[in-house]
Amino acid sequence: MAVPSPQEIKTNLLSGLTVALAMVPEAIAFALVAHVSPLTGLYAAFIVALITSAFGGRPGMISGATGSLAVVMVALVATHGAEYLFATVVLMGILQMLFAVAKLGKLIRMVPHPVMLGFVNGLAIVIFMAQFGHFKTMGADGSQQWMASSQLYIMFGLIALTMAIIYLLPKFTQAIPATLAGILVVAILVPALGISTKTVGDLGSIAGGLPSFHLPQVPLNWETLHIVFPYALVLAAIGLIETLLTLNLIDEMTDTRGKPNRESLAQGVANVVTGFFGGMGGCAMIGQSMINVNNGALKRLSGIATAMFLLSFILFASSWIERIPLAALIGVMFVVAEKTFEWGSLQALRKIPRNDAFIVVAVTVITVLTDLAIAVVAGVIIAALVFAWQHAKRIGVKTYTDPQGWKIYELEGTLFFASIAAFQDLFTPKEDPQDVVIEFRDARVKDHSAIVAIDSLAVRYRQAGKRLHLRHLSPDCLELLEKAGDMVEVNMLEDPHYHVADNKLG
C-alpha cells in the first residue's frame, strides 16, 4: 500500500476535523430523536467511525449515528428503555456480520440506476429539511416553536456567510478545506461581535469520559429475543442499505471500487462493539461522506481522524465545541444537500424513458415521506415490474408455410410468467394445417410458467387433431415438459443450452 504524501496527510486530517465538527450536532440531534442521552449518540459516532474507517471496505466513507436508524429506535426506547436498545444494537451487528459472511454485498450492485438517483435526491432533501428543526425553540408549554424573527434573521445571515465562504474560498486557496474555514470564521466572528445565536451547547452537553464496557441489562430469555429481534432486523437492513448505496455513490464519484462484503462486516463489528459500550449504533452517513469526498479525503486516515477528534471533543474540548454557532454547521449541511442532489436528473427526466423517470420520482418521494429502506425496496420492485412488462411485450412471431405445407411459427423474445398470455394468443390451432412447427431458435424459455404454457399449447393442438413439432429447445425444457415432451425434436448440435428457473431442477 502506497504511503500517503504529506499533502494527503494534511488533507485527510483537516477533513477529519471538519467532518467531526459537522457530526456533533447530528449525533446529539439523532440521540434526542431516539430518546437517549447525547453521549449515547456521540459514543456511537466515535466507535462506528473508528472501526469502519480502520477495517471497512470503502476508505473515505464516514459512518456514525444516523437519523434513519434513530426514527426506528424511538419506539423501542419509549416502550422498553435504553438497555433494550443496546441489546438490539448488538443483535443488529451480528445480523450484519452474517450478511457479510454469506457474501450478499454483491446484491447492492443490482440496484438500478434510477433507484440510485432517487435515493441520492431523496436523502439530499431529507438532509436539507432536517436542518429546519434547529430553527425552533422550546416554548413555555413544552412545544416546539419557531424562533423570533430577529433570531431567524441572524441565523440566516450566519448561514449565508458560511455558505459564501465554502463556495468562494476554493477560488483563492486550497490550503484549508473551505467547510472548515466557514465553520471557524463564523465561530470566531459570533463572540467577537457579541452576536446572540443558538449554539451546539443548546442541544445538550457533550462533556464526558471514555466509553466504558457495559453489558445490556436485559433478561437473557426468549421474551427478550422476541422484543429485540424485529427491531434488530429492520435496523440491520436499513443500515446495510444506506451504507452500501453510499458506497456505490462514492465508487461512482471517485471511479474506484469499494468492497461491499468487507464494509458490511466492519459495520456489523462496529455495531456489536457500540452496543457493548453504551452507543446507539450507526451506519454510513451520506452527508458527512460527501463533505469528506469533496474535500479530497479518500484515505482511511480521514475517518480515523474524525473518530479521534470526536473523542477529544468529549474528553477535552466540550466547552469550546459547545460554543460553535449552529448556523455555521447548518450552512455546511445546506451545501452538502445542494452538492448531493443530482440537479442534472431534473433535466434528464424529460429525456429518459417515462418508466425510469417515474422510478426516480417515486424513490425520491418515498425516501422523504417514509424511510430509505422502504424507498429502495419499492424502487427495486417497481423497476423489476417495469422490466417484466417491457419484456412481456417483446414476445413476437413470424409465420410462413414451408414447401411441405407445414406452418412455421418463428418465436422471438423471452417466454416467462409475464409474457405467457401474449404467447398463447399467437397461435390458432383450429385454422392451422395438420403439421405445425414452433421454432424457438430466437426465443428463451425462462421459468415454470413458460413450461406450463407450452404444455397447455400442446394440449390445444392435440385436441384439434394436429401434430405439433417443437424445435431448438434447451434440454432443460425437454426434462420439464410433461404433455409436450414427445413433440420436442432433439438436435444435439443445434439445440441451445440454457437453464430454466424451476424447482424440479433445483
Protein backbone atom coordinates (compact mmCIF):
# COMPACT_ATOMS: atom_id res chain seq x y z
CA MET A 1 0.00 0.00 0.00
CA ALA A 2 1.36 3.41 -1.01
CA VAL A 3 2.47 5.70 1.82
CA PRO A 4 0.39 8.91 1.79
CA SER A 5 2.23 12.11 0.98
CA PRO A 6 2.45 14.98 3.49
CA GLN A 7 -0.19 16.84 1.46
CA GLU A 8 -2.54 13.82 1.61
CA ILE A 9 -1.99 13.52 5.36
CA LYS A 10 -2.83 17.22 5.82
CA THR A 11 -5.91 16.96 3.61
CA ASN A 12 -7.25 13.90 5.43
CA LEU A 13 -6.57 15.30 8.92
CA LEU A 14 -8.20 18.66 8.22
CA SER A 15 -11.14 16.94 6.52
CA GLY A 16 -11.47 14.65 9.54
CA LEU A 17 -11.68 17.70 11.81
CA THR A 18 -14.31 19.30 9.57
CA VAL A 19 -16.41 16.15 9.47
CA ALA A 20 -16.13 15.70 13.24
CA LEU A 21 -17.41 19.23 13.84
CA ALA A 22 -20.33 18.59 11.48
CA MET A 23 -21.11 15.27 13.19
CA VAL A 24 -21.50 16.67 16.70
CA PRO A 25 -24.92 18.37 16.30
CA GLU A 26 -26.12 15.50 14.11
CA ALA A 27 -25.17 12.88 16.72
CA ILE A 28 -26.80 14.89 19.51
CA ALA A 29 -29.97 15.51 17.48
CA PHE A 30 -30.32 11.85 16.48
CA ALA A 31 -29.79 10.76 20.08
CA LEU A 32 -32.56 13.09 21.21
CA VAL A 33 -34.81 11.72 18.45
CA ALA A 34 -34.19 8.22 19.80
CA HIS A 35 -34.90 9.43 23.38
CA VAL A 36 -31.38 8.65 24.66
CA SER A 37 -28.66 10.92 26.06
CA PRO A 38 -26.43 12.99 23.73
CA LEU A 39 -23.39 10.97 24.82
CA THR A 40 -25.11 7.80 23.59
CA GLY A 41 -25.11 9.29 20.10
CA LEU A 42 -21.57 10.67 20.37
CA TYR A 43 -20.12 7.38 21.62
CA ALA A 44 -21.81 5.60 18.70
CA ALA A 45 -20.37 8.16 16.26
CA PHE A 46 -16.86 7.68 17.69
CA ILE A 47 -16.87 3.87 17.79
CA VAL A 48 -18.63 3.26 14.48
CA ALA A 49 -16.50 5.83 12.64
CA LEU A 50 -13.27 4.40 14.08
CA ILE A 51 -13.93 0.72 13.34
CA THR A 52 -15.45 1.15 9.88
CA SER A 53 -12.72 3.58 8.81
CA ALA A 54 -9.94 1.28 10.02
CA PHE A 55 -11.33 -2.02 8.74
CA GLY A 56 -14.15 -1.27 6.28
CA GLY A 57 -14.25 -1.73 2.54
CA ARG A 58 -14.63 1.92 1.48
CA PRO A 59 -11.84 4.31 2.56
CA GLY A 60 -13.12 7.86 2.76
CA MET A 61 -16.68 6.91 3.73
CA ILE A 62 -17.82 8.20 7.12
CA SER A 63 -20.15 6.25 9.41
CA GLY A 64 -21.85 7.22 12.65
CA ALA A 65 -25.22 7.66 14.36
CA THR A 66 -27.89 8.40 11.74
CA GLY A 67 -31.43 9.69 11.65
CA SER A 68 -32.72 6.79 9.56
CA LEU A 69 -31.87 4.44 12.43
CA ALA A 70 -32.95 6.83 15.19
CA VAL A 71 -36.56 7.02 13.96
CA VAL A 72 -36.83 3.22 14.26
CA MET A 73 -35.21 3.15 17.70
CA VAL A 74 -37.55 5.66 19.31
CA ALA A 75 -40.48 3.22 19.65
CA LEU A 76 -38.25 0.58 21.29
CA VAL A 77 -36.72 3.04 23.77
CA ALA A 78 -40.10 4.57 24.63
CA THR A 79 -41.61 1.14 25.31
CA HIS A 80 -38.75 -0.84 26.86
CA GLY A 81 -35.91 1.57 27.72
CA ALA A 82 -32.33 2.20 26.60
CA GLU A 83 -30.96 -1.15 27.83
CA TYR A 84 -33.10 -2.98 25.29
CA LEU A 85 -31.75 -0.60 22.64
CA PHE A 86 -28.18 -1.62 23.47
CA ALA A 87 -29.12 -5.32 23.20
CA THR A 88 -30.84 -4.61 19.88
CA VAL A 89 -27.76 -2.85 18.51
CA VAL A 90 -25.61 -5.88 19.40
CA LEU A 91 -28.01 -8.22 17.59
CA MET A 92 -28.20 -5.78 14.68
CA GLY A 93 -24.43 -6.01 14.33
CA ILE A 94 -24.49 -9.82 14.43
CA LEU A 95 -27.09 -9.89 11.63
CA GLN A 96 -24.94 -7.56 9.54
CA MET A 97 -21.91 -9.79 10.11
CA LEU A 98 -23.91 -12.84 8.95
CA PHE A 99 -24.90 -10.89 5.85
CA ALA A 100 -21.22 -10.27 5.12
CA VAL A 101 -20.19 -13.87 5.81
CA ALA A 102 -22.85 -15.02 3.33
CA LYS A 103 -21.26 -12.62 0.80
CA LEU A 104 -24.56 -10.92 -0.01
CA GLY A 105 -23.00 -7.49 -0.50
CA LYS A 106 -22.99 -8.08 -4.26
CA LEU A 107 -26.79 -7.72 -4.26
CA ILE A 108 -26.44 -3.95 -3.92
CA ARG A 109 -24.88 -3.87 -7.40
CA MET A 110 -28.28 -4.97 -8.74
CA VAL A 111 -29.97 -1.75 -7.62
CA PRO A 112 -30.96 0.03 -10.88
CA HIS A 113 -29.52 3.46 -11.66
CA PRO A 114 -32.94 5.24 -11.44
CA VAL A 115 -33.29 3.88 -7.88
CA MET A 116 -29.81 5.23 -7.06
CA LEU A 117 -30.79 8.64 -8.42
CA GLY A 118 -33.97 8.65 -6.35
CA PHE A 119 -32.01 7.56 -3.26
CA VAL A 120 -29.47 10.38 -3.66
CA ASN A 121 -32.07 13.06 -4.35
CA GLY A 122 -34.31 11.86 -1.54
CA LEU A 123 -31.51 11.90 1.02
CA ALA A 124 -30.40 15.36 -0.16
CA ILE A 125 -33.92 16.65 0.51
CA VAL A 126 -34.02 14.86 3.90
CA ILE A 127 -30.65 16.41 4.89
CA PHE A 128 -31.92 19.85 3.85
CA MET A 129 -35.27 19.55 5.65
CA ALA A 130 -33.69 18.12 8.82
CA GLN A 131 -31.80 21.38 9.40
CA PHE A 132 -35.02 23.36 9.90
CA GLY A 133 -35.54 21.66 13.25
CA HIS A 134 -32.71 23.87 14.53
CA PHE A 135 -34.77 26.99 13.79
CA LYS A 136 -37.20 26.06 16.55
CA THR A 137 -37.04 26.55 20.31
CA MET A 138 -38.90 25.06 23.23
CA GLY A 139 -41.93 27.13 24.18
CA ALA A 140 -43.27 27.72 27.69
CA ASP A 141 -45.85 24.96 27.16
CA GLY A 142 -43.17 22.47 26.12
CA SER A 143 -43.99 22.61 22.41
CA GLN A 144 -41.57 23.40 19.58
CA GLN A 145 -41.99 26.93 18.23
CA TRP A 146 -40.23 28.94 15.54
CA MET A 147 -37.62 31.43 16.74
CA ALA A 148 -38.40 35.11 16.92
CA SER A 149 -37.91 36.90 13.61
CA SER A 150 -34.78 38.73 14.82
CA GLN A 151 -33.13 35.44 15.79
CA LEU A 152 -34.11 33.90 12.46
CA TYR A 153 -32.55 36.80 10.54
CA ILE A 154 -29.30 36.38 12.48
CA MET A 155 -29.30 32.63 11.82
CA PHE A 156 -29.96 33.09 8.10
CA GLY A 157 -27.25 35.74 7.88
CA LEU A 158 -24.66 33.48 9.51
CA ILE A 159 -25.74 30.55 7.33
CA ALA A 160 -25.36 32.69 4.21
CA LEU A 161 -21.88 33.80 5.34
CA THR A 162 -20.82 30.19 5.94
CA MET A 163 -22.10 29.08 2.54
CA ALA A 164 -20.44 32.03 0.79
CA ILE A 165 -17.07 31.12 2.32
CA ILE A 166 -17.48 27.46 1.31
CA TYR A 167 -18.30 28.36 -2.30
CA LEU A 168 -15.85 31.25 -2.77
CA LEU A 169 -12.73 30.28 -0.80
CA PRO A 170 -11.62 27.48 -3.20
CA LYS A 171 -11.31 30.13 -5.94
CA PHE A 172 -8.47 31.76 -3.93
CA THR A 173 -6.78 28.96 -1.96
CA GLN A 174 -6.85 25.22 -1.36
CA ALA A 175 -4.66 25.42 1.76
CA ILE A 176 -7.56 24.70 4.11
CA PRO A 177 -10.88 22.93 3.47
CA ALA A 178 -13.49 25.57 2.69
CA THR A 179 -16.02 23.88 5.00
CA LEU A 180 -13.61 24.08 7.95
CA ALA A 181 -12.83 27.71 7.12
CA GLY A 182 -16.53 28.56 7.07
CA ILE A 183 -17.08 27.00 10.49
CA LEU A 184 -14.03 28.69 12.03
CA VAL A 185 -14.77 32.16 10.64
CA VAL A 186 -18.36 32.15 11.94
CA ALA A 187 -17.28 30.58 15.28
CA ILE A 188 -14.77 33.43 15.80
CA LEU A 189 -16.99 36.19 14.44
CA VAL A 190 -20.04 35.50 16.64
CA PRO A 191 -18.37 36.01 20.07
CA ALA A 192 -16.11 38.78 18.72
CA LEU A 193 -19.15 40.83 17.67
CA GLY A 194 -21.26 39.77 20.66
CA ILE A 195 -23.91 38.17 18.45
CA SER A 196 -26.51 36.13 20.35
CA THR A 197 -27.43 32.95 18.47
CA LYS A 198 -28.12 29.29 19.03
CA THR A 199 -25.04 27.12 19.66
CA VAL A 200 -24.19 23.43 19.84
CA GLY A 201 -24.42 23.61 23.62
CA ASP A 202 -28.12 24.48 23.34
CA LEU A 203 -28.74 20.94 22.04
CA GLY A 204 -27.08 19.31 25.05
CA SER A 205 -23.76 18.91 26.81
CA ILE A 206 -21.12 16.78 25.10
CA ALA A 207 -18.76 16.57 28.09
CA GLY A 208 -17.97 13.05 29.24
CA GLY A 209 -15.35 10.39 29.80
CA LEU A 210 -14.17 7.40 27.84
CA PRO A 211 -16.93 4.96 26.85
CA SER A 212 -16.91 2.00 29.24
CA PHE A 213 -17.81 -1.64 28.66
CA HIS A 214 -21.41 -2.29 29.62
CA LEU A 215 -23.41 -5.48 29.23
CA PRO A 216 -27.03 -4.63 28.33
CA GLN A 217 -29.11 -5.10 31.45
CA VAL A 218 -31.84 -7.27 29.93
CA PRO A 219 -33.04 -10.79 30.78
CA LEU A 220 -31.38 -13.41 28.58
CA ASN A 221 -34.52 -15.28 27.54
CA TRP A 222 -36.83 -15.86 24.57
CA GLU A 223 -39.10 -12.99 25.57
CA THR A 224 -36.22 -10.53 25.23
CA LEU A 225 -35.30 -12.01 21.84
CA HIS A 226 -38.94 -11.71 20.78
CA ILE A 227 -38.81 -7.98 21.65
CA VAL A 228 -35.46 -7.04 20.15
CA PHE A 229 -35.23 -9.27 17.05
CA PRO A 230 -37.79 -7.42 14.86
CA TYR A 231 -36.12 -4.07 15.62
CA ALA A 232 -32.64 -5.54 15.07
CA LEU A 233 -33.69 -6.96 11.69
CA VAL A 234 -35.14 -3.64 10.49
CA LEU A 235 -32.13 -1.66 11.79
CA ALA A 236 -29.67 -4.09 10.17
CA ALA A 237 -31.48 -3.82 6.84
CA ILE A 238 -31.71 -0.02 6.89
CA GLY A 239 -28.08 0.28 7.99
CA LEU A 240 -26.81 -2.01 5.24
CA ILE A 241 -28.94 -0.43 2.52
CA GLU A 242 -27.85 3.12 3.40
CA THR A 243 -24.22 2.03 3.80
CA LEU A 244 -23.95 0.06 0.57
CA LEU A 245 -25.79 2.63 -1.50
CA THR A 246 -23.48 5.33 -0.15
CA LEU A 247 -20.54 3.07 -1.01
CA ASN A 248 -21.90 2.75 -4.56
CA LEU A 249 -22.30 6.51 -4.82
CA ILE A 250 -18.70 7.18 -3.71
CA ASP A 251 -17.50 4.49 -6.12
CA GLU A 252 -19.15 6.39 -8.98
CA MET A 253 -17.86 9.78 -7.83
CA THR A 254 -14.27 8.59 -7.44
CA ASP A 255 -14.19 5.97 -10.23
CA THR A 256 -12.98 3.37 -7.74
CA ARG A 257 -14.49 0.17 -6.38
CA GLY A 258 -15.23 -0.49 -2.72
CA LYS A 259 -15.71 -3.89 -1.10
CA PRO A 260 -19.35 -4.30 -0.03
CA ASN A 261 -18.87 -7.52 1.99
CA ARG A 262 -15.89 -6.15 3.88
CA GLU A 263 -17.79 -2.95 4.62
CA SER A 264 -20.82 -4.94 5.81
CA LEU A 265 -18.59 -6.97 8.14
CA ALA A 266 -16.97 -3.83 9.55
CA GLN A 267 -20.38 -2.23 10.08
CA GLY A 268 -21.53 -5.35 11.93
CA VAL A 269 -18.46 -5.47 14.16
CA ALA A 270 -18.77 -1.74 14.86
CA ASN A 271 -22.39 -2.09 15.96
CA VAL A 272 -21.67 -5.08 18.19
CA VAL A 273 -18.90 -3.11 19.92
CA THR A 274 -21.09 0.00 20.12
CA GLY A 275 -23.89 -1.95 21.79
CA PHE A 276 -21.48 -3.17 24.47
CA PHE A 277 -20.15 0.36 25.11
CA GLY A 278 -23.44 2.21 25.51
CA GLY A 279 -23.81 3.54 21.95
CA MET A 280 -26.92 3.71 19.78
CA GLY A 281 -25.39 2.06 16.70
CA GLY A 282 -24.95 3.55 13.28
CA CYS A 283 -24.24 3.22 9.58
CA ALA A 284 -22.78 5.27 6.72
CA MET A 285 -23.64 8.98 6.73
CA ILE A 286 -24.09 10.32 3.22
CA GLY A 287 -23.82 13.98 4.28
CA GLN A 288 -20.54 13.62 6.17
CA SER A 289 -19.20 11.25 3.50
CA MET A 290 -19.89 13.90 0.85
CA ILE A 291 -18.02 16.50 2.92
CA ASN A 292 -15.05 14.14 3.12
CA VAL A 293 -15.05 13.16 -0.54
CA ASN A 294 -15.50 16.76 -1.73
CA ASN A 295 -12.50 17.71 0.42
CA GLY A 296 -10.45 15.10 -1.47
CA ALA A 297 -10.00 12.94 1.63
CA LEU A 298 -10.15 9.33 0.37
CA LYS A 299 -7.82 7.62 2.84
CA ARG A 300 -8.67 5.64 5.98
CA LEU A 301 -6.86 8.35 7.93
CA SER A 302 -9.73 10.80 7.40
CA GLY A 303 -12.29 8.57 9.11
CA ILE A 304 -9.92 7.57 11.90
CA ALA A 305 -9.11 11.25 12.44
CA THR A 306 -12.84 12.04 12.56
CA ALA A 307 -13.31 9.46 15.32
CA MET A 308 -10.32 10.67 17.35
CA PHE A 309 -11.39 14.31 17.06
CA LEU A 310 -14.87 13.34 18.28
CA LEU A 311 -13.36 11.60 21.31
CA SER A 312 -11.13 14.58 22.03
CA PHE A 313 -14.17 16.88 21.91
CA ILE A 314 -15.91 14.73 24.52
CA LEU A 315 -12.85 14.46 26.79
CA PHE A 316 -11.09 17.80 26.49
CA ALA A 317 -12.82 20.38 24.29
CA SER A 318 -16.52 20.16 25.13
CA SER A 319 -16.73 23.75 26.36
CA TRP A 320 -15.21 25.05 23.12
CA ILE A 321 -17.27 22.86 20.81
CA GLU A 322 -20.48 23.78 22.62
CA ARG A 323 -19.84 27.44 21.71
CA ILE A 324 -19.85 26.81 17.95
CA PRO A 325 -22.87 28.54 16.37
CA LEU A 326 -25.34 26.06 14.93
CA ALA A 327 -25.74 28.37 11.95
CA ALA A 328 -22.22 27.52 10.77
CA LEU A 329 -22.92 23.78 10.84
CA ILE A 330 -26.35 24.25 9.24
CA GLY A 331 -24.66 26.18 6.44
CA VAL A 332 -22.28 23.27 5.89
CA MET A 333 -25.17 20.80 5.69
CA PHE A 334 -27.09 23.05 3.29
CA VAL A 335 -24.07 22.98 0.96
CA VAL A 336 -23.87 19.20 1.39
CA ALA A 337 -27.54 18.87 0.41
CA GLU A 338 -27.02 21.11 -2.64
CA LYS A 339 -23.96 19.15 -3.80
CA THR A 340 -25.57 15.77 -3.08
CA PHE A 341 -28.72 16.45 -5.11
CA GLU A 342 -28.33 15.34 -8.72
CA TRP A 343 -29.51 18.53 -10.40
CA GLY A 344 -28.84 17.07 -13.82
CA SER A 345 -31.51 14.45 -13.14
CA LEU A 346 -34.22 17.15 -13.31
CA GLN A 347 -33.31 17.88 -16.92
CA ALA A 348 -32.81 14.19 -17.65
CA LEU A 349 -36.36 13.40 -16.52
CA ARG A 350 -37.60 14.83 -19.83
CA LYS A 351 -35.23 12.70 -21.91
CA ILE A 352 -35.10 9.32 -20.18
CA PRO A 353 -37.92 6.75 -20.61
CA ARG A 354 -41.04 7.62 -18.64
CA ASN A 355 -40.75 4.41 -16.62
CA ASP A 356 -37.27 5.38 -15.39
CA ALA A 357 -38.43 8.92 -14.66
CA PHE A 358 -41.31 7.55 -12.59
CA ILE A 359 -38.90 5.35 -10.58
CA VAL A 360 -36.61 8.32 -9.84
CA VAL A 361 -39.51 10.46 -8.62
CA ALA A 362 -41.15 7.61 -6.69
CA VAL A 363 -37.99 6.67 -4.78
CA THR A 364 -37.28 10.33 -4.01
CA VAL A 365 -40.78 10.95 -2.64
CA ILE A 366 -40.90 7.69 -0.65
CA THR A 367 -37.48 8.43 0.88
CA VAL A 368 -38.71 11.82 2.07
CA LEU A 369 -42.10 10.61 3.33
CA THR A 370 -41.13 7.27 4.90
CA ASP A 371 -37.61 5.89 5.14
CA LEU A 372 -34.73 4.77 2.98
CA ALA A 373 -35.27 1.01 3.22
CA ILE A 374 -38.90 1.18 2.10
CA ALA A 375 -37.97 3.56 -0.73
CA VAL A 376 -35.18 1.38 -2.11
CA VAL A 377 -37.18 -1.86 -1.85
CA ALA A 378 -40.16 -0.17 -3.50
CA GLY A 379 -37.90 1.20 -6.23
CA VAL A 380 -36.36 -2.20 -6.96
CA ILE A 381 -39.83 -3.81 -7.08
CA ILE A 382 -41.14 -1.11 -9.45
CA ALA A 383 -38.05 -1.49 -11.66
CA ALA A 384 -38.47 -5.27 -11.73
CA LEU A 385 -42.14 -4.99 -12.67
CA VAL A 386 -41.32 -2.46 -15.39
CA PHE A 387 -38.60 -4.76 -16.72
CA ALA A 388 -41.02 -7.71 -16.74
CA TRP A 389 -43.71 -5.68 -18.50
CA GLN A 390 -41.32 -4.41 -21.17
CA HIS A 391 -40.01 -7.91 -21.90
CA ALA A 392 -43.51 -9.34 -21.87
CA LYS A 393 -44.40 -7.03 -24.77
CA ARG A 394 -41.39 -8.20 -26.77
CA ILE A 395 -42.66 -11.72 -27.46
CA GLY A 396 -43.32 -11.89 -31.18
CA VAL A 397 -43.66 -14.36 -34.04
CA LYS A 398 -43.03 -14.68 -37.77
CA THR A 399 -45.19 -17.21 -39.63
CA TYR A 400 -44.91 -18.84 -43.05
CA THR A 401 -45.70 -22.14 -44.79
CA ASP A 402 -42.81 -24.33 -45.93
CA PRO A 403 -42.76 -26.42 -49.18
CA GLN A 404 -44.22 -29.42 -47.29
CA GLY A 405 -47.29 -27.41 -46.35
CA TRP A 406 -46.25 -27.18 -42.70
CA LYS A 407 -46.92 -23.91 -40.89
CA ILE A 408 -43.83 -22.48 -39.20
CA TYR A 409 -44.01 -20.20 -36.15
CA GLU A 410 -40.63 -18.50 -35.52
CA LEU A 411 -40.73 -17.08 -31.98
CA GLU A 412 -38.71 -14.06 -30.85
CA GLY A 413 -38.34 -12.84 -27.25
CA THR A 414 -38.45 -14.23 -23.76
CA LEU A 415 -41.15 -16.61 -22.58
CA PHE A 416 -41.78 -16.21 -18.84
CA PHE A 417 -44.63 -15.58 -16.43
CA ALA A 418 -45.40 -12.07 -17.75
CA SER A 419 -45.45 -13.00 -21.45
CA ILE A 420 -47.41 -16.28 -21.45
CA ALA A 421 -50.77 -14.59 -22.17
CA ALA A 422 -49.35 -12.92 -25.27
CA PHE A 423 -47.70 -16.23 -26.22
CA GLN A 424 -51.00 -18.13 -26.11
CA ASP A 425 -52.66 -15.55 -28.38
CA LEU A 426 -50.09 -16.06 -31.13
CA PHE A 427 -51.45 -19.48 -32.18
CA THR A 428 -54.60 -20.62 -33.99
CA PRO A 429 -54.79 -24.45 -33.69
CA LYS A 430 -58.20 -24.76 -35.38
CA GLU A 431 -57.14 -22.87 -38.53
CA ASP A 432 -53.61 -24.32 -38.76
CA PRO A 433 -52.65 -27.21 -41.13
CA GLN A 434 -52.04 -30.77 -39.95
CA ASP A 435 -48.37 -30.18 -39.08
CA VAL A 436 -47.21 -27.13 -37.17
CA VAL A 437 -43.64 -26.22 -36.16
CA ILE A 438 -42.76 -23.82 -33.34
CA GLU A 439 -39.18 -22.62 -33.77
CA PHE A 440 -37.50 -21.48 -30.50
CA ARG A 441 -34.10 -20.60 -32.02
CA ASP A 442 -34.54 -16.87 -31.28
CA ALA A 443 -36.54 -17.31 -28.08
CA ARG A 444 -35.73 -18.30 -24.50
CA VAL A 445 -37.86 -20.26 -22.04
CA LYS A 446 -37.17 -18.84 -18.57
CA ASP A 447 -39.44 -20.25 -15.88
CA HIS A 448 -42.04 -22.82 -14.84
CA SER A 449 -44.91 -20.66 -16.08
CA ALA A 450 -43.40 -20.83 -19.58
CA ILE A 451 -43.17 -24.63 -19.38
CA VAL A 452 -46.82 -24.84 -18.35
CA ALA A 453 -47.78 -22.54 -21.24
CA ILE A 454 -46.02 -24.81 -23.77
CA ASP A 455 -47.70 -27.89 -22.28
CA SER A 456 -51.07 -26.12 -22.46
CA LEU A 457 -50.48 -25.20 -26.10
CA ALA A 458 -49.58 -28.83 -26.89
CA VAL A 459 -52.91 -29.95 -25.42
CA ARG A 460 -54.76 -27.44 -27.62
CA TYR A 461 -53.12 -28.80 -30.79
CA ARG A 462 -53.63 -32.41 -29.72
CA GLN A 463 -57.34 -31.78 -29.09
CA ALA A 464 -57.57 -30.17 -32.55
CA GLY A 465 -56.07 -33.35 -34.06
CA LYS A 466 -52.92 -31.55 -35.22
CA ARG A 467 -49.23 -32.57 -34.94
CA LEU A 468 -47.02 -30.06 -33.14
CA HIS A 469 -43.23 -30.00 -33.56
CA LEU A 470 -41.09 -28.08 -31.06
CA ARG A 471 -37.59 -27.19 -32.25
CA HIS A 472 -34.44 -25.76 -30.66
CA LEU A 473 -35.46 -26.01 -27.02
CA SER A 474 -32.93 -26.37 -24.20
CA PRO A 475 -32.50 -29.89 -22.74
CA ASP A 476 -33.91 -28.41 -19.51
CA CYS A 477 -37.23 -27.87 -21.28
CA LEU A 478 -37.33 -31.48 -22.52
CA GLU A 479 -36.85 -32.68 -18.96
CA LEU A 480 -39.59 -30.44 -17.58
CA LEU A 481 -42.30 -30.76 -20.25
CA GLU A 482 -44.94 -33.27 -19.24
CA LYS A 483 -47.54 -33.14 -22.03
CA ALA A 484 -45.39 -31.84 -24.88
CA GLY A 485 -42.24 -33.85 -24.25
CA ASP A 486 -42.87 -36.20 -27.17
CA MET A 487 -43.29 -33.23 -29.52
CA VAL A 488 -39.75 -31.90 -28.99
CA GLU A 489 -37.38 -32.53 -31.89
CA VAL A 490 -33.90 -33.01 -30.42
CA ASN A 491 -30.87 -31.74 -32.34
CA MET A 492 -27.76 -32.17 -30.20
CA LEU A 493 -25.65 -29.93 -32.43
CA GLU A 494 -28.07 -27.03 -32.83
CA ASP A 495 -30.17 -27.03 -29.64
CA PRO A 496 -29.25 -24.17 -27.27
CA HIS A 497 -28.15 -24.84 -23.71
CA TYR A 498 -29.56 -22.55 -21.05
CA HIS A 499 -31.08 -23.05 -17.62
CA VAL A 500 -34.76 -22.76 -16.73
CA ALA A 501 -35.74 -21.45 -13.30
CA ASP A 502 -37.76 -24.35 -11.89
CA ASN A 503 -37.80 -26.09 -8.51
CA LYS A 504 -37.80 -29.51 -10.16
CA LEU A 505 -34.25 -28.88 -11.36
CA GLY A 506 -33.15 -27.08 -8.19
